[in-house]
Amino acid sequence: MWQEPKLNWVKADPVNIEDYNRIKNNLAELREMAIRLYPEFSITVNPDKARSDYPYADEINQLEENLETIRKIGRASCRER
């Protein structure tokens, strides 16, 4: 389910668990929206983190990779039209 993104980030804002889970889950929702328009593709979606957890660098990198995958699929499909 889509969650309203945080739009008022400032440099001093840390990424907390709620932010991480929201971003991760919104990327999964974007994928669901995209496969209605574009060919099937997959991204890696890890389980939600608990308050006692903290995302590791490889998990943050995975968010970036997922966003890049979605961007590339959309861009490639637009070029084919």
C-alpha atoms as a PDB file:
ATOM      1  CA  MET A   1       0.000   0.000   0.000  1.00  0.00           C
ATOM      2  CA  TRP A   2       1.317   3.414  -0.994  1.00  0.00           C
ATOM      3  CA  GLN A   3       2.450   5.615   1.889  1.00  0.00           C
ATOM      4  CA  GLU A   4       2.756   9.374   1.554  1.00  0.00           C
ATOM      5  CA  PRO A   5       6.455  10.167   0.938  1.00  0.00           C
ATOM      6  CA  LYS A   6       8.369  12.498   3.208  1.00  0.00           C
ATOM      7  CA  LEU A   7       9.016  15.671   1.208  1.00  0.00           C
ATOM      8  CA  ASN A   8      10.517  17.986   3.813  1.00  0.00           C
ATOM      9  CA  TRP A   9      13.940  16.378   4.231  1.00  0.00           C
ATOM     10  CA  VAL A  10      16.807  18.513   5.519  1.00  0.00           C
ATOM     11  CA  LYS A  11      20.492  17.583   5.602  1.00  0.00           C
ATOM     12  CA  ALA A  12      20.412  16.828   9.323  1.00  0.00           C
ATOM     13  CA  ASP A  13      17.539  14.316   9.012  1.00  0.00           C
ATOM     14  CA  PRO A  14      18.604  10.729   9.617  1.00  0.00           C
ATOM     15  CA  VAL A  15      16.829   7.926   7.785  1.00  0.00           C
ATOM     16  CA  ASN A  16      14.949   6.083  10.511  1.00  0.00           C
ATOM     17  CA  ILE A  17      13.287   2.673  10.309  1.00  0.00           C
ATOM     18  CA  GLU A  18       9.912   4.162   9.425  1.00  0.00           C
ATOM     19  CA  ASP A  19      11.522   6.080   6.541  1.00  0.00           C
ATOM     20  CA  TYR A  20      13.370   2.990   5.347  1.00  0.00           C
ATOM     21  CA  ASN A  21      10.255   0.804   5.422  1.00  0.00           C
ATOM     22  CA  ARG A  22       8.157   3.491   3.707  1.00  0.00           C
ATOM     23  CA  ILE A  23      10.693   3.973   0.893  1.00  0.00           C
ATOM     24  CA  LYS A  24      11.139   0.213   0.447  1.00  0.00           C
ATOM     25  CA  ASN A  25       7.424  -0.470   0.361  1.00  0.00           C
ATOM     26  CA  ASN A  26       6.700   2.474  -1.945  1.00  0.00           C
ATOM     27  CA  LEU A  27       9.248   1.080  -4.404  1.00  0.00           C
ATOM     28  CA  ALA A  28       7.408  -2.254  -4.286  1.00  0.00           C
ATOM     29  CA  GLU A  29       4.145  -0.393  -4.942  1.00  0.00           C
ATOM     30  CA  LEU A  30       5.727   1.490  -7.863  1.00  0.00           C
ATOM     31  CA  ARG A  31       6.732  -1.861  -9.339  1.00  0.00           C
ATOM     32  CA  GLU A  32       3.143  -3.091  -9.020  1.00  0.00           C
ATOM     33  CA  MET A  33       1.932   0.017 -10.843  1.00  0.00           C
ATOM     34  CA  ALA A  34       4.617  -0.297 -13.505  1.00  0.00           C
ATOM     35  CA  ILE A  35       3.893  -3.927 -14.434  1.00  0.00           C
ATOM     36  CA  ARG A  36       0.392  -2.848 -15.426  1.00  0.00           C
ATOM     37  CA  LEU A  37       1.984  -0.748 -18.175  1.00  0.00           C
ATOM     38  CA  TYR A  38       5.323  -2.393 -18.922  1.00  0.00           C
ATOM     39  CA  PRO A  39       6.649  -5.936 -19.292  1.00  0.00           C
ATOM     40  CA  GLU A  40       7.023  -7.998 -16.120  1.00  0.00           C
ATOM     41  CA  PHE A  41      10.193  -7.342 -14.128  1.00  0.00           C
ATOM     42  CA  SER A  42      11.318  -7.991 -10.590  1.00  0.00           C
ATOM     43  CA  ILE A  43      12.983  -6.073  -7.800  1.00  0.00           C
ATOM     44  CA  THR A  44      14.302  -7.270  -4.461  1.00  0.00           C
ATOM     45  CA  VAL A  45      12.025  -6.392  -1.551  1.00  0.00           C
ATOM     46  CA  ASN A  46      13.316  -7.341   1.879  1.00  0.00           C
ATOM     47  CA  PRO A  47      11.054  -7.769   4.926  1.00  0.00           C
ATOM     48  CA  ASP A  48      10.208  -4.693   6.975  1.00  0.00           C
ATOM     49  CA  LYS A  49      12.656  -3.733   9.675  1.00  0.00           C
ATOM     50  CA  ALA A  50      11.655  -3.465  13.327  1.00  0.00           C
ATOM     51  CA  ARG A  51      12.450  -0.437  15.475  1.00  0.00           C
ATOM     52  CA  SER A  52      15.369  -2.336  16.981  1.00  0.00           C
ATOM     53  CA  ASP A  53      16.869  -2.971  13.520  1.00  0.00           C
ATOM     54  CA  TYR A  54      18.898  -0.656  11.377  1.00  0.00           C
ATOM     55  CA  PRO A  55      19.307  -0.930   7.601  1.00  0.00           C
ATOM     56  CA  TYR A  56      22.792  -1.835   6.441  1.00  0.00           C
ATOM     57  CA  ALA A  57      24.548  -0.152   3.538  1.00  0.00           C
ATOM     58  CA  ASP A  58      23.791  -3.064   1.189  1.00  0.00           C
ATOM     59  CA  GLU A  59      20.079  -2.690   1.971  1.00  0.00           C
ATOM     60  CA  ILE A  60      20.177   1.046   1.212  1.00  0.00           C
ATOM     61  CA  ASN A  61      22.053   0.216  -2.003  1.00  0.00           C
ATOM     62  CA  GLN A  62      19.270  -2.261  -2.833  1.00  0.00           C
ATOM     63  CA  LEU A  63      16.723   0.562  -2.634  1.00  0.00           C
ATOM     64  CA  GLU A  64      18.796   2.529  -5.142  1.00  0.00           C
ATOM     65  CA  GLU A  65      19.094  -0.500  -7.423  1.00  0.00           C
ATOM     66  CA  ASN A  66      15.330  -1.066  -7.260  1.00  0.00           C
ATOM     67  CA  LEU A  67      14.632   2.557  -8.183  1.00  0.00           C
ATOM     68  CA  GLU A  68      17.097   2.344 -11.069  1.00  0.00           C
ATOM     69  CA  THR A  69      15.455  -0.872 -12.328  1.00  0.00           C
ATOM     70  CA  ILE A  70      12.026   0.772 -12.313  1.00  0.00           C
ATOM     71  CA  ARG A  71      13.423   3.853 -14.073  1.00  0.00           C
ATOM     72  CA  LYS A  72      15.150   1.793 -16.777  1.00  0.00           C
ATOM     73  CA  ILE A  73      12.059  -0.333 -17.476  1.00  0.00           C
ATOM     74  CA  GLY A  74       9.873   2.734 -17.844  1.00  0.00           C
ATOM     75  CA  ARG A  75      12.384   4.551 -20.002  1.00  0.00           C
ATOM     76  CA  ALA A  76      12.999   1.567 -22.296  1.00  0.00           C
ATOM     77  CA  SER A  77       9.271   0.990 -22.734  1.00  0.00           C
ATOM     78  CA  CYS A  78       8.692   4.643 -23.581  1.00  0.00           C
ATOM     79  CA  ARG A  79      11.369   4.484 -26.293  1.00  0.00           C
ATOM     80  CA  GLU A  80       9.641   1.481 -27.885  1.00  0.00           C
ATOM     81  CA  ARG A  81       6.402   3.407 -28.361  1.00  0.00           C
END
